Amino acid sequence: TTRRTAAASALAASHLARADASRLLIVGAGRVAAVMAEA
């Protein structure tokens, strides 16, 4: 659950975030939040 959730967000970001996006804000500090930067 944790890793596929973050991976789905990253998959969406590969289509929707700017190509040069370098600054990430994570709101939350649980399991998914903990791996979101890596994803």
PDB file of all heavy atoms in Angstrom:
ATOM      1  N   THR A   1       0.827  -1.210   0.000  1.00  0.00           N
ATOM      2  CA  THR A   1       0.000   0.000   0.000  1.00  0.00           C
ATOM      3  C   THR A   1       0.858   1.256   0.000  1.00  0.00           C
ATOM      4  O   THR A   1       0.645   2.182  -0.792  1.00  0.00           O
ATOM      5  CB  THR A   1      -0.923   0.014   1.224  1.00  0.00           C
ATOM      6  OG1 THR A   1      -1.772  -1.133   1.193  1.00  0.00           O
ATOM      7  CG2 THR A   1      -1.782   1.268   1.244  1.00  0.00           C
ATOM      8  N   THR A   2       1.835   1.302   0.890  1.00  0.00           N
ATOM      9  CA  THR A   2       2.679   2.478   1.017  1.00  0.00           C
ATOM     10  C   THR A   2       3.416   2.792  -0.272  1.00  0.00           C
ATOM     11  O   THR A   2       3.366   3.915  -0.794  1.00  0.00           O
ATOM     12  CB  THR A   2       3.704   2.280   2.152  1.00  0.00           C
ATOM     13  OG1 THR A   2       3.003   2.145   3.391  1.00  0.00           O
ATOM     14  CG2 THR A   2       4.672   3.447   2.234  1.00  0.00           C
ATOM     15  N   ARG A   3       4.068   1.779  -0.826  1.00  0.00           N
ATOM     16  CA  ARG A   3       4.947   2.034  -1.966  1.00  0.00           C
ATOM     17  C   ARG A   3       4.162   2.195  -3.266  1.00  0.00           C
ATOM     18  O   ARG A   3       4.522   3.017  -4.106  1.00  0.00           O
ATOM     19  CB  ARG A   3       6.016   0.942  -2.058  1.00  0.00           C
ATOM     20  CG  ARG A   3       6.912   0.934  -0.819  1.00  0.00           C
ATOM     21  CD  ARG A   3       8.077  -0.016  -0.936  1.00  0.00           C
ATOM     22  NE  ARG A   3       9.112   0.477  -1.827  1.00  0.00           N
ATOM     23  CZ  ARG A   3      10.054   1.351  -1.484  1.00  0.00           C
ATOM     24  NH1 ARG A   3      10.080   1.876  -0.277  1.00  0.00           N
ATOM     25  NH2 ARG A   3      10.977   1.726  -2.348  1.00  0.00           N
ATOM     26  N   ARG A   4       3.080   1.465  -3.444  1.00  0.00           N
ATOM     27  CA  ARG A   4       2.317   1.669  -4.684  1.00  0.00           C
ATOM     28  C   ARG A   4       1.585   2.999  -4.661  1.00  0.00           C
ATOM     29  O   ARG A   4       1.369   3.624  -5.690  1.00  0.00           O
ATOM     30  CB  ARG A   4       1.379   0.496  -4.960  1.00  0.00           C
ATOM     31  CG  ARG A   4       0.225   0.242  -4.004  1.00  0.00           C
ATOM     32  CD  ARG A   4      -0.966   1.178  -4.208  1.00  0.00           C
ATOM     33  NE  ARG A   4      -2.211   0.629  -3.734  1.00  0.00           N
ATOM     34  CZ  ARG A   4      -3.219   1.353  -3.295  1.00  0.00           C
ATOM     35  NH1 ARG A   4      -3.125   2.682  -3.212  1.00  0.00           N
ATOM     36  NH2 ARG A   4      -4.338   0.771  -2.922  1.00  0.00           N
ATOM     37  N   THR A   5       1.191   3.493  -3.455  1.00  0.00           N
ATOM     38  CA  THR A   5       0.546   4.798  -3.364  1.00  0.00           C
ATOM     39  C   THR A   5       1.505   5.897  -3.785  1.00  0.00           C
ATOM     40  O   THR A   5       1.164   6.780  -4.584  1.00  0.00           O
ATOM     41  CB  THR A   5       0.041   5.048  -1.937  1.00  0.00           C
ATOM     42  OG1 THR A   5      -0.904   4.028  -1.580  1.00  0.00           O
ATOM     43  CG2 THR A   5      -0.631   6.413  -1.826  1.00  0.00           C
ATOM     44  N   ALA A   6       2.713   5.858  -3.247  1.00  0.00           N
ATOM     45  CA  ALA A   6       3.711   6.855  -3.625  1.00  0.00           C
ATOM     46  C   ALA A   6       4.103   6.710  -5.088  1.00  0.00           C
ATOM     47  O   ALA A   6       4.315   7.708  -5.788  1.00  0.00           O
ATOM     48  CB  ALA A   6       4.934   6.730  -2.726  1.00  0.00           C
ATOM     49  N   ALA A   7       4.190   5.466  -5.561  1.00  0.00           N
ATOM     50  CA  ALA A   7       4.553   5.233  -6.964  1.00  0.00           C
ATOM     51  C   ALA A   7       3.479   5.767  -7.908  1.00  0.00           C
ATOM     52  O   ALA A   7       3.794   6.312  -8.976  1.00  0.00           O
ATOM     53  CB  ALA A   7       4.776   3.746  -7.210  1.00  0.00           C
ATOM     54  N   ALA A   8       2.204   5.628  -7.541  1.00  0.00           N
ATOM     55  CA  ALA A   8       1.123   6.158  -8.369  1.00  0.00           C
ATOM     56  C   ALA A   8       1.196   7.681  -8.440  1.00  0.00           C
ATOM     57  O   ALA A   8       0.968   8.288  -9.495  1.00  0.00           O
ATOM     58  CB  ALA A   8      -0.235   5.721  -7.825  1.00  0.00           C
ATOM     59  N   SER A   9       1.532   8.311  -7.309  1.00  0.00           N
ATOM     60  CA  SER A   9       1.706   9.764  -7.307  1.00  0.00           C
ATOM     61  C   SER A   9       2.859  10.169  -8.220  1.00  0.00           C
ATOM     62  O   SER A   9       2.775  11.156  -8.960  1.00  0.00           O
ATOM     63  CB  SER A   9       1.971  10.259  -5.890  1.00  0.00           C
ATOM     64  OG  SER A   9       0.804  10.194  -5.105  1.00  0.00           O
ATOM     65  N   ALA A  10       3.943   9.407  -8.162  1.00  0.00           N
ATOM     66  CA  ALA A  10       5.094   9.703  -9.017  1.00  0.00           C
ATOM     67  C   ALA A  10       4.759   9.472 -10.487  1.00  0.00           C
ATOM     68  O   ALA A  10       5.185  10.239 -11.360  1.00  0.00           O
ATOM     69  CB  ALA A  10       6.281   8.847  -8.597  1.00  0.00           C
ATOM     70  N   LEU A  11       3.989   8.428 -10.771  1.00  0.00           N
ATOM     71  CA  LEU A  11       3.559   8.175 -12.141  1.00  0.00           C
ATOM     72  C   LEU A  11       2.734   9.350 -12.660  1.00  0.00           C
ATOM     73  O   LEU A  11       2.931   9.817 -13.791  1.00  0.00           O
ATOM     74  CB  LEU A  11       2.755   6.878 -12.198  1.00  0.00           C
ATOM     75  CG  LEU A  11       2.152   6.487 -13.555  1.00  0.00           C
ATOM     76  CD1 LEU A  11       3.225   6.366 -14.629  1.00  0.00           C
ATOM     77  CD2 LEU A  11       1.364   5.171 -13.415  1.00  0.00           C
ATOM     78  N   ALA A  12       1.818   9.841 -11.839  1.00  0.00           N
ATOM     79  CA  ALA A  12       1.027  11.011 -12.233  1.00  0.00           C
ATOM     80  C   ALA A  12       1.924  12.225 -12.430  1.00  0.00           C
ATOM     81  O   ALA A  12       1.773  12.982 -13.400  1.00  0.00           O
ATOM     82  CB  ALA A  12      -0.041  11.301 -11.182  1.00  0.00           C
ATOM     83  N   ALA A  13       2.878  12.424 -11.520  1.00  0.00           N
ATOM     84  CA  ALA A  13       3.779  13.568 -11.613  1.00  0.00           C
ATOM     85  C   ALA A  13       4.635  13.517 -12.872  1.00  0.00           C
ATOM     86  O   ALA A  13       5.025  14.558 -13.409  1.00  0.00           O
ATOM     87  CB  ALA A  13       4.676  13.638 -10.382  1.00  0.00           C
ATOM     88  N   SER A  14       4.926  12.310 -13.366  1.00  0.00           N
ATOM     89  CA  SER A  14       5.722  12.192 -14.589  1.00  0.00           C
ATOM     90  C   SER A  14       4.981  12.785 -15.783  1.00  0.00           C
ATOM     91  O   SER A  14       5.600  13.142 -16.792  1.00  0.00           O
ATOM     92  CB  SER A  14       6.082  10.727 -14.860  1.00  0.00           C
ATOM     93  OG  SER A  14       4.948   9.971 -15.283  1.00  0.00           O
ATOM     94  N   HIS A  15       3.654  12.899 -15.674  1.00  0.00           N
ATOM     95  CA  HIS A  15       2.846  13.503 -16.728  1.00  0.00           C
ATOM     96  C   HIS A  15       2.439  14.940 -16.397  1.00  0.00           C
ATOM     97  O   HIS A  15       2.177  15.735 -17.310  1.00  0.00           O
ATOM     98  CB  HIS A  15       1.562  12.691 -16.941  1.00  0.00           C
ATOM     99  CG  HIS A  15       1.784  11.326 -17.498  1.00  0.00           C
ATOM    100  ND1 HIS A  15       1.899  11.072 -18.840  1.00  0.00           N
ATOM    101  CD2 HIS A  15       1.902  10.121 -16.871  1.00  0.00           C
ATOM    102  CE1 HIS A  15       2.076   9.777 -19.043  1.00  0.00           C
ATOM    103  NE2 HIS A  15       2.085   9.177 -17.858  1.00  0.00           N
ATOM    104  N   LEU A  16       2.365  15.271 -15.098  1.00  0.00           N
ATOM    105  CA  LEU A  16       1.709  16.505 -14.691  1.00  0.00           C
ATOM    106  C   LEU A  16       2.626  17.549 -14.054  1.00  0.00           C
ATOM    107  O   LEU A  16       2.302  18.738 -14.081  1.00  0.00           O
ATOM    108  CB  LEU A  16       0.567  16.187 -13.720  1.00  0.00           C
ATOM    109  CG  LEU A  16      -0.502  15.223 -14.243  1.00  0.00           C
ATOM    110  CD1 LEU A  16      -1.531  14.928 -13.162  1.00  0.00           C
ATOM    111  CD2 LEU A  16      -1.178  15.783 -15.490  1.00  0.00           C
ATOM    112  N   ALA A  17       3.722  17.138 -13.450  1.00  0.00           N
ATOM    113  CA  ALA A  17       4.635  18.107 -12.836  1.00  0.00           C
ATOM    114  C   ALA A  17       5.575  18.670 -13.896  1.00  0.00           C
ATOM    115  O   ALA A  17       5.880  18.013 -14.892  1.00  0.00           O
ATOM    116  CB  ALA A  17       5.437  17.454 -11.714  1.00  0.00           C
ATOM    117  N   ARG A  18       6.051  19.899 -13.681  1.00  0.00           N
ATOM    118  CA  ARG A  18       7.022  20.476 -14.597  1.00  0.00           C
ATOM    119  C   ARG A  18       8.272  19.608 -14.662  1.00  0.00           C
ATOM    120  O   ARG A  18       8.686  19.004 -13.663  1.00  0.00           O
ATOM    121  CB  ARG A  18       7.427  21.884 -14.155  1.00  0.00           C
ATOM    122  CG  ARG A  18       6.322  22.913 -14.210  1.00  0.00           C
ATOM    123  CD  ARG A  18       6.896  24.340 -14.164  1.00  0.00           C
ATOM    124  NE  ARG A  18       8.075  24.460 -13.317  1.00  0.00           N
ATOM    125  CZ  ARG A  18       8.052  24.746 -12.018  1.00  0.00           C
ATOM    126  NH1 ARG A  18       6.880  24.903 -11.410  1.00  0.00           N
ATOM    127  NH2 ARG A  18       9.166  24.855 -11.345  1.00  0.00           N
ATOM    128  N   ALA A  19       8.897  19.560 -15.807  1.00  0.00           N
ATOM    129  CA  ALA A  19      10.083  18.722 -15.989  1.00  0.00           C
ATOM    130  C   ALA A  19      11.222  19.146 -15.071  1.00  0.00           C
ATOM    131  O   ALA A  19      12.064  18.310 -14.693  1.00  0.00           O
ATOM    132  CB  ALA A  19      10.538  18.758 -17.445  1.00  0.00           C
ATOM    133  N   ASP A  20      11.256  20.418 -14.693  1.00  0.00           N
ATOM    134  CA  ASP A  20      12.341  20.908 -13.849  1.00  0.00           C
ATOM    135  C   ASP A  20      11.956  20.992 -12.373  1.00  0.00           C
ATOM    136  O   ASP A  20      12.678  21.606 -11.571  1.00  0.00           O
ATOM    137  CB  ASP A  20      12.808  22.281 -14.337  1.00  0.00           C
ATOM    138  CG  ASP A  20      11.717  23.353 -14.213  1.00  0.00           C
ATOM    139  OD1 ASP A  20      10.544  22.990 -13.938  1.00  0.00           O
ATOM    140  OD2 ASP A  20      12.030  24.548 -14.384  1.00  0.00           O
ATOM    141  N   ALA A  21      10.854  20.377 -11.978  1.00  0.00           N
ATOM    142  CA  ALA A  21      10.391  20.444 -10.587  1.00  0.00           C
ATOM    143  C   ALA A  21      11.445  19.860  -9.649  1.00  0.00           C
ATOM    144  O   ALA A  21      11.804  18.682  -9.760  1.00  0.00           O
ATOM    145  CB  ALA A  21       9.071  19.697 -10.433  1.00  0.00           C
ATOM    146  N   SER A  22      11.923  20.667  -8.724  1.00  0.00           N
ATOM    147  CA  SER A  22      12.987  20.219  -7.820  1.00  0.00           C
ATOM    148  C   SER A  22      12.654  20.425  -6.353  1.00  0.00           C
ATOM    149  O   SER A  22      13.337  19.889  -5.488  1.00  0.00           O
ATOM    150  CB  SER A  22      14.294  20.946  -8.143  1.00  0.00           C
ATOM    151  OG  SER A  22      14.157  22.344  -7.934  1.00  0.00           O
ATOM    152  N   ARG A  23      11.599  21.211  -6.066  1.00  0.00           N
ATOM    153  CA  ARG A  23      11.245  21.499  -4.675  1.00  0.00           C
ATOM    154  C   ARG A  23       9.927  20.823  -4.319  1.00  0.00           C
ATOM    155  O   ARG A  23       8.891  21.099  -4.922  1.00  0.00           O
ATOM    156  CB  ARG A  23      11.132  23.010  -4.465  1.00  0.00           C
ATOM    157  CG  ARG A  23      12.475  23.730  -4.568  1.00  0.00           C
ATOM    158  CD  ARG A  23      12.325  25.236  -4.477  1.00  0.00           C
ATOM    159  NE  ARG A  23      11.625  25.771  -5.644  1.00  0.00           N
ATOM    160  CZ  ARG A  23      11.447  27.064  -5.853  1.00  0.00           C
ATOM    161  NH1 ARG A  23      11.887  27.956  -4.990  1.00  0.00           N
ATOM    162  NH2 ARG A  23      10.818  27.479  -6.935  1.00  0.00           N
ATOM    163  N   LEU A  24       9.996  19.936  -3.356  1.00  0.00           N
ATOM    164  CA  LEU A  24       8.841  19.132  -2.950  1.00  0.00           C
ATOM    165  C   LEU A  24       8.417  19.506  -1.535  1.00  0.00           C
ATOM    166  O   LEU A  24       9.250  19.560  -0.622  1.00  0.00           O
ATOM    167  CB  LEU A  24       9.199  17.641  -3.004  1.00  0.00           C
ATOM    168  CG  LEU A  24       8.189  16.649  -2.413  1.00  0.00           C
ATOM    169  CD1 LEU A  24       6.901  16.632  -3.234  1.00  0.00           C
ATOM    170  CD2 LEU A  24       8.796  15.243  -2.357  1.00  0.00           C
ATOM    171  N   LEU A  25       7.134  19.747  -1.353  1.00  0.00           N
ATOM    172  CA  LEU A  25       6.555  19.924  -0.022  1.00  0.00           C
ATOM    173  C   LEU A  25       5.756  18.677   0.306  1.00  0.00           C
ATOM    174  O   LEU A  25       4.846  18.291  -0.439  1.00  0.00           O
ATOM    175  CB  LEU A  25       5.645  21.145   0.023  1.00  0.00           C
ATOM    176  CG  LEU A  25       4.748  21.280   1.273  1.00  0.00           C
ATOM    177  CD1 LEU A  25       5.583  21.410   2.532  1.00  0.00           C
ATOM    178  CD2 LEU A  25       3.782  22.460   1.131  1.00  0.00           C
ATOM    179  N   ILE A  26       6.086  18.043   1.408  1.00  0.00           N
ATOM    180  CA  ILE A  26       5.347  16.873   1.880  1.00  0.00           C
ATOM    181  C   ILE A  26       4.498  17.299   3.061  1.00  0.00           C
ATOM    182  O   ILE A  26       5.011  17.820   4.056  1.00  0.00           O
ATOM    183  CB  ILE A  26       6.301  15.734   2.299  1.00  0.00           C
ATOM    184  CG1 ILE A  26       7.149  15.283   1.112  1.00  0.00           C
ATOM    185  CG2 ILE A  26       5.508  14.568   2.875  1.00  0.00           C
ATOM    186  CD1 ILE A  26       8.212  14.263   1.488  1.00  0.00           C
ATOM    187  N   VAL A  27       3.205  17.078   2.953  1.00  0.00           N
ATOM    188  CA  VAL A  27       2.271  17.407   4.023  1.00  0.00           C
ATOM    189  C   VAL A  27       1.861  16.088   4.675  1.00  0.00           C
ATOM    190  O   VAL A  27       1.154  15.276   4.077  1.00  0.00           O
ATOM    191  CB  VAL A  27       1.046  18.167   3.484  1.00  0.00           C
ATOM    192  CG1 VAL A  27       0.080  18.503   4.616  1.00  0.00           C
ATOM    193  CG2 VAL A  27       1.491  19.439   2.765  1.00  0.00           C
ATOM    194  N   GLY A  28       2.323  15.880   5.893  1.00  0.00           N
ATOM    195  CA  GLY A  28       2.135  14.611   6.578  1.00  0.00           C
ATOM    196  C   GLY A  28       3.482  14.009   6.922  1.00  0.00           C
ATOM    197  O   GLY A  28       4.523  14.422   6.386  1.00  0.00           O
ATOM    198  N   ALA A  29       3.475  13.037   7.815  1.00  0.00           N
ATOM    199  CA  ALA A  29       4.735  12.416   8.222  1.00  0.00           C
ATOM    200  C   ALA A  29       4.565  10.926   8.491  1.00  0.00           C
ATOM    201  O   ALA A  29       5.349  10.330   9.225  1.00  0.00           O
ATOM    202  CB  ALA A  29       5.291  13.109   9.475  1.00  0.00           C
ATOM    203  N   GLY A  30       3.538  10.335   7.885  1.00  0.00           N
ATOM    204  CA  GLY A  30       3.286   8.906   8.072  1.00  0.00           C
ATOM    205  C   GLY A  30       4.042   8.056   7.074  1.00  0.00           C
ATOM    206  O   GLY A  30       5.036   8.485   6.461  1.00  0.00           O
ATOM    207  N   ARG A  31       3.559   6.835   6.870  1.00  0.00           N
ATOM    208  CA  ARG A  31       4.266   5.871   6.018  1.00  0.00           C
ATOM    209  C   ARG A  31       4.412   6.347   4.588  1.00  0.00           C
ATOM    210  O   ARG A  31       5.497   6.275   4.003  1.00  0.00           O
ATOM    211  CB  ARG A  31       3.515   4.535   6.025  1.00  0.00           C
ATOM    212  CG  ARG A  31       3.691   3.713   7.286  1.00  0.00           C
ATOM    213  CD  ARG A  31       2.828   2.486   7.206  1.00  0.00           C
ATOM    214  NE  ARG A  31       2.996   1.606   8.347  1.00  0.00           N
ATOM    215  CZ  ARG A  31       2.097   0.723   8.740  1.00  0.00           C
ATOM    216  NH1 ARG A  31       0.949   0.614   8.079  1.00  0.00           N
ATOM    217  NH2 ARG A  31       2.321  -0.057   9.778  1.00  0.00           N
ATOM    218  N   VAL A  32       3.308   6.803   3.986  1.00  0.00           N
ATOM    219  CA  VAL A  32       3.372   7.247   2.597  1.00  0.00           C
ATOM    220  C   VAL A  32       4.227   8.503   2.478  1.00  0.00           C
ATOM    221  O   VAL A  32       5.056   8.621   1.573  1.00  0.00           O
ATOM    222  CB  VAL A  32       1.962   7.482   2.030  1.00  0.00           C
ATOM    223  CG1 VAL A  32       2.038   8.073   0.627  1.00  0.00           C
ATOM    224  CG2 VAL A  32       1.171   6.177   2.003  1.00  0.00           C
ATOM    225  N   ALA A  33       4.033   9.435   3.383  1.00  0.00           N
ATOM    226  CA  ALA A  33       4.833  10.659   3.362  1.00  0.00           C
ATOM    227  C   ALA A  33       6.319  10.346   3.446  1.00  0.00           C
ATOM    228  O   ALA A  33       7.144  11.007   2.800  1.00  0.00           O
ATOM    229  CB  ALA A  33       4.418  11.565   4.518  1.00  0.00           C
ATOM    230  N   ALA A  34       6.670   9.313   4.205  1.00  0.00           N
ATOM    231  CA  ALA A  34       8.073   8.984   4.432  1.00  0.00           C
ATOM    232  C   ALA A  34       8.786   8.518   3.165  1.00  0.00           C
ATOM    233  O   ALA A  34      10.012   8.634   3.067  1.00  0.00           O
ATOM    234  CB  ALA A  34       8.187   7.909   5.514  1.00  0.00           C
ATOM    235  N   VAL A  35       8.048   7.983   2.188  1.00  0.00           N
ATOM    236  CA  VAL A  35       8.690   7.486   0.962  1.00  0.00           C
ATOM    237  C   VAL A  35       8.367   8.355  -0.257  1.00  0.00           C
ATOM    238  O   VAL A  35       8.819   8.057  -1.357  1.00  0.00           O
ATOM    239  CB  VAL A  35       8.284   6.020   0.680  1.00  0.00           C
ATOM    240  CG1 VAL A  35       8.731   5.119   1.812  1.00  0.00           C
ATOM    241  CG2 VAL A  35       6.787   5.883   0.429  1.00  0.00           C
ATOM    242  N   MET A  36       7.595   9.417  -0.063  1.00  0.00           N
ATOM    243  CA  MET A  36       7.164  10.217  -1.206  1.00  0.00           C
ATOM    244  C   MET A  36       8.329  10.902  -1.909  1.00  0.00           C
ATOM    245  O   MET A  36       8.354  10.987  -3.155  1.00  0.00           O
ATOM    246  CB  MET A  36       6.136  11.250  -0.761  1.00  0.00           C
ATOM    247  CG  MET A  36       5.457  11.970  -1.912  1.00  0.00           C
ATOM    248  SD  MET A  36       4.573  10.858  -3.039  1.00  0.00           S
ATOM    249  CE  MET A  36       3.101  10.510  -2.052  1.00  0.00           C
ATOM    250  N   ALA A  37       9.299  11.397  -1.161  1.00  0.00           N
ATOM    251  CA  ALA A  37      10.443  12.070  -1.790  1.00  0.00           C
ATOM    252  C   ALA A  37      11.227  11.096  -2.663  1.00  0.00           C
ATOM    253  O   ALA A  37      11.636  11.432  -3.784  1.00  0.00           O
ATOM    254  CB  ALA A  37      11.342  12.681  -0.719  1.00  0.00           C
ATOM    255  N   GLU A  38      11.458   9.894  -2.156  1.00  0.00           N
ATOM    256  CA  GLU A  38      12.169   8.878  -2.931  1.00  0.00           C
ATOM    257  C   GLU A  38      11.416   8.544  -4.211  1.00  0.00           C
ATOM    258  O   GLU A  38      12.009   8.403  -5.289  1.00  0.00           O
ATOM    259  CB  GLU A  38      12.353   7.623  -2.079  1.00  0.00           C
ATOM    260  CG  GLU A  38      13.103   6.507  -2.786  1.00  0.00           C
ATOM    261  CD  GLU A  38      13.128   5.217  -1.979  1.00  0.00           C
ATOM    262  OE1 GLU A  38      12.600   5.206  -0.841  1.00  0.00           O
ATOM    263  OE2 GLU A  38      13.655   4.214  -2.500  1.00  0.00           O
ATOM    264  N   ALA A  39      10.085   8.409  -4.110  1.00  0.00           N
ATOM    265  CA  ALA A  39       9.284   8.089  -5.294  1.00  0.00           C
ATOM    266  C   ALA A  39       9.333   9.229  -6.309  1.00  0.00           C
ATOM    267  O   ALA A  39       9.558   9.000  -7.512  1.00  0.00           O
ATOM    268  CB  ALA A  39       7.838   7.814  -4.883  1.00  0.00           C
TER     269      ALA A  39
END
